[in-house]
Amino acid sequence: MKLGYVILYVPDVPAAVEFYERAFGVRRKFVHESGTYAEMDTGSTALAFAGEALASQSIADYRRNRSTDAPAGIEVGFVTDDVPAAFARAIAAGAVACMEPTRKPWGQVVSYVRDLNGVLVEICSAVDGA
């Protein structure tokens, strides 16, 4: 088995797509004409967005992502060679800073922001040897 995609349930799919394009430089791969589902071109594992109304058809109750609430216990991670520049781009696009780029003891540079819906997003360098 392999991980095919991660889906974030959001109140506004087109707004999420546009934000991720501006903030993280990922491109839209597929947007359904209804505007209730979209996938971003993020490599072999797709990042997708589904509208909350669509999600509610399959899942009776779940914790919605909101910028006014504490982030859920999950993150989206983007790997880049230039973490400070990617962090600055995300902030300029409206992401909320959680942790400035920081070099970890194992050499990786890591930063955190929250997206327009409050989802935690890690912007980091690759882990050596991974």
C-alpha atoms as a PDB file:
ATOM      1  CA  MET A   1       0.000   0.000   0.000  1.00  0.00           C
ATOM      2  CA  LYS A   2       1.148   3.572  -0.627  1.00  0.00           C
ATOM      3  CA  LEU A   3      -0.100   6.983   0.398  1.00  0.00           C
ATOM      4  CA  GLY A   4      -1.999   8.440  -2.557  1.00  0.00           C
ATOM      5  CA  TYR A   5      -3.326  11.713  -1.203  1.00  0.00           C
ATOM      6  CA  VAL A   6      -4.076  13.762   1.881  1.00  0.00           C
ATOM      7  CA  ILE A   7      -7.396  15.625   1.931  1.00  0.00           C
ATOM      8  CA  LEU A   8      -8.024  18.780   3.940  1.00  0.00           C
ATOM      9  CA  TYR A   9     -11.687  19.590   4.555  1.00  0.00           C
ATOM     10  CA  VAL A  10     -12.144  23.312   4.002  1.00  0.00           C
ATOM     11  CA  PRO A  11     -15.064  25.748   3.889  1.00  0.00           C
ATOM     12  CA  ASP A  12     -13.994  27.201   0.507  1.00  0.00           C
ATOM     13  CA  VAL A  13     -12.120  24.934  -1.916  1.00  0.00           C
ATOM     14  CA  PRO A  14     -11.311  27.589  -4.579  1.00  0.00           C
ATOM     15  CA  ALA A  15      -9.932  29.922  -1.878  1.00  0.00           C
ATOM     16  CA  ALA A  16      -7.745  27.111  -0.490  1.00  0.00           C
ATOM     17  CA  VAL A  17      -6.407  26.315  -3.983  1.00  0.00           C
ATOM     18  CA  GLU A  18      -5.564  29.964  -4.676  1.00  0.00           C
ATOM     19  CA  PHE A  19      -3.945  30.386  -1.257  1.00  0.00           C
ATOM     20  CA  TYR A  20      -1.716  27.309  -1.640  1.00  0.00           C
ATOM     21  CA  GLU A  21      -0.668  28.462  -5.108  1.00  0.00           C
ATOM     22  CA  ARG A  22       0.340  31.906  -3.764  1.00  0.00           C
ATOM     23  CA  ALA A  23       1.764  30.836  -0.423  1.00  0.00           C
ATOM     24  CA  PHE A  24       3.586  27.627  -1.314  1.00  0.00           C
ATOM     25  CA  GLY A  25       4.002  27.735  -5.088  1.00  0.00           C
ATOM     26  CA  VAL A  26       2.141  24.480  -5.742  1.00  0.00           C
ATOM     27  CA  ARG A  27      -0.045  24.272  -8.824  1.00  0.00           C
ATOM     28  CA  ARG A  28      -3.580  23.038  -9.156  1.00  0.00           C
ATOM     29  CA  LYS A  29      -3.771  19.616 -10.778  1.00  0.00           C
ATOM     30  CA  PHE A  30      -7.533  19.129 -10.828  1.00  0.00           C
ATOM     31  CA  VAL A  31     -10.483  21.244  -9.743  1.00  0.00           C
ATOM     32  CA  HIS A  32     -13.955  19.754 -10.057  1.00  0.00           C
ATOM     33  CA  GLU A  33     -16.428  22.021 -11.835  1.00  0.00           C
ATOM     34  CA  SER A  34     -18.623  22.049  -8.695  1.00  0.00           C
ATOM     35  CA  GLY A  35     -15.798  23.714  -6.745  1.00  0.00           C
ATOM     36  CA  THR A  36     -16.176  21.140  -3.969  1.00  0.00           C
ATOM     37  CA  TYR A  37     -12.997  19.125  -4.636  1.00  0.00           C
ATOM     38  CA  ALA A  38      -9.506  19.908  -5.909  1.00  0.00           C
ATOM     39  CA  GLU A  39      -6.058  18.342  -6.042  1.00  0.00           C
ATOM     40  CA  MET A  40      -2.718  20.103  -6.082  1.00  0.00           C
ATOM     41  CA  ASP A  41       0.299  18.892  -8.056  1.00  0.00           C
ATOM     42  CA  THR A  42       2.583  17.968  -5.166  1.00  0.00           C
ATOM     43  CA  GLY A  43       4.447  14.943  -6.516  1.00  0.00           C
ATOM     44  CA  SER A  44       3.553  11.312  -6.000  1.00  0.00           C
ATOM     45  CA  THR A  45       1.273  12.103  -3.046  1.00  0.00           C
ATOM     46  CA  ALA A  46      -1.428  14.628  -3.897  1.00  0.00           C
ATOM     47  CA  LEU A  47      -2.640  17.296  -1.515  1.00  0.00           C
ATOM     48  CA  ALA A  48      -6.392  17.639  -1.996  1.00  0.00           C
ATOM     49  CA  PHE A  49      -9.145  19.875  -0.685  1.00  0.00           C
ATOM     50  CA  ALA A  50     -12.770  18.844  -0.198  1.00  0.00           C
ATOM     51  CA  GLY A  51     -15.578  21.164   0.746  1.00  0.00           C
ATOM     52  CA  GLU A  52     -17.022  20.667   4.208  1.00  0.00           C
ATOM     53  CA  ALA A  53     -20.492  19.998   2.773  1.00  0.00           C
ATOM     54  CA  LEU A  54     -19.021  17.229   0.599  1.00  0.00           C
ATOM     55  CA  ALA A  55     -17.145  15.779   3.566  1.00  0.00           C
ATOM     56  CA  SER A  56     -20.299  15.811   5.677  1.00  0.00           C
ATOM     57  CA  GLN A  57     -21.924  13.422   3.200  1.00  0.00           C
ATOM     58  CA  SER A  58     -19.422  10.740   4.246  1.00  0.00           C
ATOM     59  CA  ILE A  59     -18.456  11.731   7.779  1.00  0.00           C
ATOM     60  CA  ALA A  60     -21.194  12.681  10.200  1.00  0.00           C
ATOM     61  CA  ASP A  61     -19.035  14.690  12.562  1.00  0.00           C
ATOM     62  CA  TYR A  62     -15.446  15.889  12.536  1.00  0.00           C
ATOM     63  CA  ARG A  63     -13.385  18.783  13.885  1.00  0.00           C
ATOM     64  CA  ARG A  64     -13.369  21.579  11.343  1.00  0.00           C
ATOM     65  CA  ASN A  65     -10.175  23.541  10.694  1.00  0.00           C
ATOM     66  CA  ARG A  66     -10.543  27.148  11.767  1.00  0.00           C
ATOM     67  CA  SER A  67      -7.918  29.853  12.152  1.00  0.00           C
ATOM     68  CA  THR A  68      -9.495  30.884  15.470  1.00  0.00           C
ATOM     69  CA  ASP A  69      -9.007  27.399  16.996  1.00  0.00           C
ATOM     70  CA  ALA A  70      -5.862  25.531  17.982  1.00  0.00           C
ATOM     71  CA  PRO A  71      -4.480  23.609  14.995  1.00  0.00           C
ATOM     72  CA  ALA A  72      -5.488  19.974  14.594  1.00  0.00           C
ATOM     73  CA  GLY A  73      -2.949  17.293  15.470  1.00  0.00           C
ATOM     74  CA  ILE A  74      -1.682  17.025  11.909  1.00  0.00           C
ATOM     75  CA  GLU A  75       0.473  19.070   9.569  1.00  0.00           C
ATOM     76  CA  VAL A  76       1.133  19.472   5.871  1.00  0.00           C
ATOM     77  CA  GLY A  77       4.868  19.463   5.123  1.00  0.00           C
ATOM     78  CA  PHE A  78       6.619  21.117   2.186  1.00  0.00           C
ATOM     79  CA  VAL A  79      10.312  20.458   1.528  1.00  0.00           C
ATOM     80  CA  THR A  80      12.473  23.133  -0.097  1.00  0.00           C
ATOM     81  CA  ASP A  81      16.118  24.086  -0.525  1.00  0.00           C
ATOM     82  CA  ASP A  82      15.438  27.659   0.661  1.00  0.00           C
ATOM     83  CA  VAL A  83      13.337  27.585   3.820  1.00  0.00           C
ATOM     84  CA  PRO A  84      13.720  31.307   4.704  1.00  0.00           C
ATOM     85  CA  ALA A  85      12.526  32.393   1.237  1.00  0.00           C
ATOM     86  CA  ALA A  86       9.614  29.929   1.247  1.00  0.00           C
ATOM     87  CA  PHE A  87       8.637  31.026   4.758  1.00  0.00           C
ATOM     88  CA  ALA A  88       8.685  34.692   3.679  1.00  0.00           C
ATOM     89  CA  ARG A  89       6.577  33.896   0.602  1.00  0.00           C
ATOM     90  CA  ALA A  90       3.976  32.113   2.750  1.00  0.00           C
ATOM     91  CA  ILE A  91       3.792  35.031   5.202  1.00  0.00           C
ATOM     92  CA  ALA A  92       3.471  37.544   2.345  1.00  0.00           C
ATOM     93  CA  ALA A  93       0.540  35.484   1.004  1.00  0.00           C
ATOM     94  CA  GLY A  94      -1.271  35.651   4.328  1.00  0.00           C
ATOM     95  CA  ALA A  95      -0.035  32.613   6.260  1.00  0.00           C
ATOM     96  CA  VAL A  96       0.388  33.155   9.994  1.00  0.00           C
ATOM     97  CA  ALA A  97       3.875  32.599  11.386  1.00  0.00           C
ATOM     98  CA  CYS A  98       4.182  29.978  14.134  1.00  0.00           C
ATOM     99  CA  MET A  99       7.937  29.356  14.120  1.00  0.00           C
ATOM    100  CA  GLU A 100      10.633  31.200  12.184  1.00  0.00           C
ATOM    101  CA  PRO A 101      13.131  29.046  10.236  1.00  0.00           C
ATOM    102  CA  THR A 102      15.247  27.210  12.796  1.00  0.00           C
ATOM    103  CA  ARG A 103      18.163  24.816  12.322  1.00  0.00           C
ATOM    104  CA  LYS A 104      17.571  21.596  14.256  1.00  0.00           C
ATOM    105  CA  PRO A 105      20.427  19.630  15.915  1.00  0.00           C
ATOM    106  CA  TRP A 106      20.303  17.070  13.082  1.00  0.00           C
ATOM    107  CA  GLY A 107      20.890  19.825  10.503  1.00  0.00           C
ATOM    108  CA  GLN A 108      17.402  20.240   9.072  1.00  0.00           C
ATOM    109  CA  VAL A 109      15.945  23.765   8.797  1.00  0.00           C
ATOM    110  CA  VAL A 110      12.320  23.823   9.955  1.00  0.00           C
ATOM    111  CA  SER A 111       9.622  26.495  10.140  1.00  0.00           C
ATOM    112  CA  TYR A 112       5.872  26.501  10.748  1.00  0.00           C
ATOM    113  CA  VAL A 113       2.958  28.600   9.542  1.00  0.00           C
ATOM    114  CA  ARG A 114      -0.808  28.246   9.612  1.00  0.00           C
ATOM    115  CA  ASP A 115      -2.823  28.489   6.407  1.00  0.00           C
ATOM    116  CA  LEU A 116      -5.983  30.538   5.877  1.00  0.00           C
ATOM    117  CA  ASN A 117      -8.050  27.810   7.596  1.00  0.00           C
ATOM    118  CA  GLY A 118      -5.678  27.355  10.522  1.00  0.00           C
ATOM    119  CA  VAL A 119      -4.010  24.169   9.240  1.00  0.00           C
ATOM    120  CA  LEU A 120      -0.431  23.794  10.452  1.00  0.00           C
ATOM    121  CA  VAL A 121       2.079  23.783   7.584  1.00  0.00           C
ATOM    122  CA  GLU A 122       5.729  22.866   7.994  1.00  0.00           C
ATOM    123  CA  ILE A 123       8.209  24.403   5.564  1.00  0.00           C
ATOM    124  CA  CYS A 124      11.496  22.568   5.888  1.00  0.00           C
ATOM    125  CA  SER A 125      14.674  21.382   4.226  1.00  0.00           C
ATOM    126  CA  ALA A 126      15.184  17.720   3.448  1.00  0.00           C
ATOM    127  CA  VAL A 127      16.510  15.495   6.225  1.00  0.00           C
ATOM    128  CA  ASP A 128      20.007  14.314   5.305  1.00  0.00           C
ATOM    129  CA  GLY A 129      19.945  10.625   4.445  1.00  0.00           C
ATOM    130  CA  ALA A 130      16.188  10.587   3.854  1.00  0.00           C
END
